[in-house]
């Protein structure tokens, strides 16, 4: 039985549109303008200055009018479910071997979104996946998000205890997904995990350390030391 259930909810998608619109901040080096580019200008005019509930209703109305898209998305979720079900056992095995931790036995809930950003919620084991990406890319995104949730679950407290700030931990959590491009996942994932341009140097440092010693606990300690030293130098 799969531990990830995929679906599409127009309401959840609309809420994500509104979330992105109401907080149009730069996302790991991607400008706010690029983040908001998915929202048509006529929709922007209609939701500007409105309360959140009204904004959601406006976006839902817009999405409902995209009849072909609305017919397609439930099938897209089903297709992703089918592909993931065959991928999951190998991915969970590889991830557990990499982190030396069991993957959460709880169900993960994944919903497709047509917005530009894909949020996640650790408390509810929930995340969103880009509806427009290819199946291969979507599978990598799912792996990426589950990796995030597992790092948060097992290592967030440890990282803070070792001196990382919340911002540093966010950067580390994002950069660690470069490990999905390693030999441990070569028979699992088709598409590489690209990450963000902002984290290139940190991802390179993680790869270098992993080649020296492929041990996750050691990797974290070494990279955290480097991040703290770099912060001290810049300060």
Protein backbone atom coordinates (compact mmCIF):
# COMPACT_ATOMS: atom_id res chain seq x y z
CA UNK A 1 0.00 0.00 0.00
CA UNK A 2 1.31 3.44 -0.97
CA UNK A 3 2.14 5.92 1.79
CA UNK A 4 1.36 8.92 -0.45
CA UNK A 5 -2.17 9.77 -1.60
CA UNK A 6 -2.40 12.13 -4.58
CA UNK A 7 -5.40 14.26 -5.48
CA UNK A 8 -6.53 17.57 -6.93
CA UNK A 9 -8.74 19.99 -5.02
CA UNK A 10 -9.83 23.19 -6.72
CA UNK A 11 -10.35 24.84 -3.32
CA UNK A 12 -6.87 23.87 -2.09
CA UNK A 13 -5.41 25.12 -5.38
CA UNK A 14 -7.28 28.43 -5.07
CA UNK A 15 -6.05 28.84 -1.50
CA UNK A 16 -2.49 28.35 -2.72
CA UNK A 17 -2.97 31.00 -5.43
CA UNK A 18 -4.18 33.42 -2.76
CA UNK A 19 -1.35 32.48 -0.39
CA UNK A 20 1.22 33.26 -3.08
CA UNK A 21 -0.56 36.49 -4.11
CA UNK A 22 -0.80 37.82 -0.55
CA UNK A 23 2.86 37.09 0.20
CA UNK A 24 4.64 37.96 -3.07
CA UNK A 25 8.12 37.68 -1.60
CA UNK A 26 11.29 36.54 -3.29
CA UNK A 27 11.64 32.77 -3.03
CA UNK A 28 15.25 31.56 -2.69
CA UNK A 29 16.51 34.00 -5.31
CA UNK A 30 13.44 33.86 -7.59
CA UNK A 31 11.99 37.37 -7.92
CA UNK A 32 8.48 38.17 -6.70
CA UNK A 33 7.50 39.12 -10.27
CA UNK A 34 8.44 35.66 -11.52
CA UNK A 35 6.66 34.01 -8.61
CA UNK A 36 3.43 35.89 -9.48
CA UNK A 37 3.70 35.44 -13.25
CA UNK A 38 1.23 32.52 -13.27
CA UNK A 39 -1.70 34.74 -12.21
CA UNK A 40 -3.53 36.33 -15.20
CA UNK A 41 -3.76 40.12 -15.03
CA UNK A 42 -7.57 40.09 -15.05
CA UNK A 43 -7.55 37.80 -11.99
CA UNK A 44 -5.05 40.09 -10.28
CA UNK A 45 -7.37 43.05 -10.77
CA UNK A 46 -10.31 41.15 -9.31
CA UNK A 47 -8.52 39.89 -6.20
CA UNK A 48 -6.52 43.04 -5.45
CA UNK A 49 -7.65 44.64 -2.21
CA UNK A 50 -10.22 41.94 -1.44
CA UNK A 51 -10.43 39.86 1.73
CA UNK A 52 -8.94 36.36 1.67
CA UNK A 53 -12.27 34.50 1.55
CA UNK A 54 -13.47 36.62 -1.36
CA UNK A 55 -10.14 36.17 -3.14
CA UNK A 56 -10.46 32.40 -2.87
CA UNK A 57 -13.96 32.50 -4.33
CA UNK A 58 -12.75 34.64 -7.24
CA UNK A 59 -9.88 32.24 -8.00
CA UNK A 60 -12.18 29.22 -7.67
CA UNK A 61 -14.55 30.80 -10.19
CA UNK A 62 -11.66 31.39 -12.58
CA UNK A 63 -10.39 27.82 -12.20
CA UNK A 64 -13.88 26.38 -12.64
CA UNK A 65 -14.11 28.19 -15.97
CA UNK A 66 -10.95 26.37 -17.18
CA UNK A 67 -13.05 23.32 -18.04
CA UNK A 68 -10.41 21.35 -19.97
CA UNK A 69 -7.88 21.87 -17.19
CA UNK A 70 -10.37 20.86 -14.51
CA UNK A 71 -11.16 17.65 -16.41
CA UNK A 72 -7.47 16.92 -16.85
CA UNK A 73 -6.13 17.47 -13.33
CA UNK A 74 -7.88 14.55 -11.55
CA UNK A 75 -6.51 12.24 -14.26
CA UNK A 76 -3.06 13.79 -13.81
CA UNK A 77 -3.25 13.01 -10.08
CA UNK A 78 -4.23 9.42 -10.85
CA UNK A 79 -1.33 9.04 -13.30
CA UNK A 80 1.13 10.37 -10.74
CA UNK A 81 -0.31 7.98 -8.15
CA UNK A 82 0.27 5.03 -10.46
CA UNK A 83 3.87 5.99 -11.21
CA UNK A 84 4.68 6.85 -7.61
CA UNK A 85 3.26 3.58 -6.29
CA UNK A 86 5.91 1.75 -8.32
CA UNK A 87 8.65 4.16 -7.25
CA UNK A 88 7.91 4.50 -3.54
CA UNK A 89 9.36 1.21 -2.18
CA UNK A 90 12.74 1.86 -3.83
CA UNK A 91 12.75 5.52 -2.78
CA UNK A 92 11.84 4.84 0.84
CA UNK A 93 14.50 2.14 1.04
CA UNK A 94 17.16 4.45 -0.43
CA UNK A 95 16.15 7.41 1.77
CA UNK A 96 16.20 5.29 4.95
CA UNK A 97 19.61 3.94 4.03
CA UNK A 98 20.89 7.49 3.41
CA UNK A 99 19.59 9.04 6.66
CA UNK A 100 19.79 5.91 8.86
CA UNK A 101 16.21 6.71 9.88
CA UNK A 102 12.92 4.99 9.03
CA UNK A 103 10.61 6.97 6.77
CA UNK A 104 7.46 8.06 8.57
CA UNK A 105 4.87 5.30 8.63
CA UNK A 106 2.11 7.89 8.45
CA UNK A 107 0.33 8.71 5.21
CA UNK A 108 1.54 11.67 3.21
CA UNK A 109 -1.10 13.71 1.41
CA UNK A 110 -0.07 15.38 -1.86
CA UNK A 111 -2.22 17.74 -3.90
CA UNK A 112 -1.56 19.14 -7.35
CA UNK A 113 -1.41 22.91 -7.73
CA UNK A 114 -1.40 25.24 -10.73
CA UNK A 115 0.32 27.96 -8.69
CA UNK A 116 4.04 28.69 -8.92
CA UNK A 117 5.01 27.60 -5.41
CA UNK A 118 4.41 24.28 -3.67
CA UNK A 119 3.94 24.60 0.10
CA UNK A 120 4.16 21.83 2.67
CA UNK A 121 2.90 21.25 6.20
CA UNK A 122 4.94 19.07 8.54
CA UNK A 123 2.17 18.66 11.09
CA UNK A 124 -0.19 17.13 8.54
CA UNK A 125 2.41 15.36 6.34
CA UNK A 126 1.00 17.38 3.45
CA UNK A 127 2.57 19.03 0.42
CA UNK A 128 1.71 20.26 -3.07
CA UNK A 129 3.15 19.29 -6.46
CA UNK A 130 3.41 21.34 -9.66
CA UNK A 131 0.49 20.24 -11.84
CA UNK A 132 2.22 21.30 -15.06
CA UNK A 133 5.46 19.38 -14.56
CA UNK A 134 6.19 16.15 -16.38
CA UNK A 135 5.58 12.88 -14.52
CA UNK A 136 9.31 12.33 -14.14
CA UNK A 137 9.75 15.82 -12.71
CA UNK A 138 6.75 15.38 -10.41
CA UNK A 139 8.21 12.17 -8.96
CA UNK A 140 11.43 14.05 -8.15
CA UNK A 141 9.40 16.86 -6.56
CA UNK A 142 7.60 14.29 -4.38
CA UNK A 143 10.96 12.82 -3.34
CA UNK A 144 12.25 16.36 -2.69
CA UNK A 145 9.28 17.24 -0.45
CA UNK A 146 9.34 13.97 1.51
CA UNK A 147 13.09 14.46 2.06
CA UNK A 148 12.25 17.90 3.51
CA UNK A 149 9.60 16.49 5.82
CA UNK A 150 11.90 13.72 7.06
CA UNK A 151 14.79 16.13 7.69
CA UNK A 152 12.40 18.34 9.65
CA UNK A 153 11.12 15.35 11.57
CA UNK A 154 14.49 13.87 12.53
CA UNK A 155 17.08 16.66 12.40
CA UNK A 156 15.54 20.12 12.90
CA UNK A 157 16.05 20.11 16.69
CA UNK A 158 19.60 18.79 16.32
CA UNK A 159 20.50 21.51 13.80
CA UNK A 160 19.20 24.25 16.10
CA UNK A 161 21.08 22.73 19.06
CA UNK A 162 24.27 22.85 16.97
CA UNK A 163 23.81 26.58 16.47
CA UNK A 164 22.00 27.08 13.18
CA UNK A 165 19.53 29.94 12.89
CA UNK A 166 16.10 29.33 11.40
CA UNK A 167 17.20 30.91 8.09
CA UNK A 168 20.36 28.79 7.98
CA UNK A 169 18.33 25.66 8.62
CA UNK A 170 15.95 26.54 5.78
CA UNK A 171 18.94 26.94 3.45
CA UNK A 172 20.46 23.66 4.63
CA UNK A 173 17.16 21.80 4.26
CA UNK A 174 16.83 23.00 0.67
CA UNK A 175 20.45 22.31 -0.23
CA UNK A 176 20.47 18.77 1.20
CA UNK A 177 18.21 17.59 -1.63
CA UNK A 178 21.29 17.61 -3.86
CA UNK A 179 21.85 14.14 -2.37
CA UNK A 180 18.90 12.93 -4.45
CA UNK A 181 21.25 13.23 -7.44
CA UNK A 182 23.66 10.70 -5.97
CA UNK A 183 24.22 7.05 -6.81
CA UNK A 184 21.87 6.04 -3.99
CA UNK A 185 18.91 7.21 -6.09
CA UNK A 186 20.14 6.53 -9.63
CA UNK A 187 17.72 3.60 -10.02
CA UNK A 188 14.87 5.54 -8.42
CA UNK A 189 14.61 9.04 -9.92
CA UNK A 190 14.62 9.92 -13.62
CA UNK A 191 14.89 13.71 -13.34
CA UNK A 192 17.62 15.46 -11.33
CA UNK A 193 16.93 17.71 -8.37
CA UNK A 194 18.11 21.17 -9.47
CA UNK A 195 17.54 23.20 -6.32
CA UNK A 196 17.85 26.99 -6.25
CA UNK A 197 20.66 29.13 -7.62
CA UNK A 198 21.06 30.72 -4.19
CA UNK A 199 22.17 27.38 -2.74
CA UNK A 200 24.71 26.35 -5.41
CA UNK A 201 27.77 26.82 -3.18
CA UNK A 202 26.14 24.99 -0.27
CA UNK A 203 25.05 22.12 -2.53
CA UNK A 204 28.61 21.81 -3.88
CA UNK A 205 29.97 21.73 -0.31
CA UNK A 206 27.47 18.98 0.59
CA UNK A 207 28.48 16.91 -2.46
CA UNK A 208 32.17 17.27 -1.62
CA UNK A 209 31.66 16.21 1.98
CA UNK A 210 29.48 13.26 0.93
CA UNK A 211 32.23 12.02 -1.39
CA UNK A 212 34.68 12.14 1.52
CA UNK A 213 32.39 10.20 3.83
CA UNK A 214 28.90 9.04 2.88
CA UNK A 215 27.43 9.30 6.37
CA UNK A 216 24.48 11.62 6.99
CA UNK A 217 25.24 12.42 10.64
CA UNK A 218 28.85 13.28 9.81
CA UNK A 219 27.71 15.32 6.81
CA UNK A 220 25.39 17.42 8.95
CA UNK A 221 28.05 18.13 11.57
CA UNK A 222 30.64 19.16 8.97
CA UNK A 223 28.27 21.34 6.94
CA UNK A 224 26.84 23.01 10.04
CA UNK A 225 30.39 23.84 11.16
CA UNK A 226 31.11 25.38 7.75
CA UNK A 227 27.88 27.39 7.80
CA UNK A 228 28.56 28.74 11.29
CA UNK A 229 32.15 29.64 10.37
CA UNK A 230 30.97 31.40 7.22
CA UNK A 231 28.41 33.40 9.22
CA UNK A 232 31.08 34.39 11.78
CA UNK A 233 33.39 35.51 8.97
CA UNK A 234 30.67 37.61 7.33
CA UNK A 235 29.65 39.12 10.67
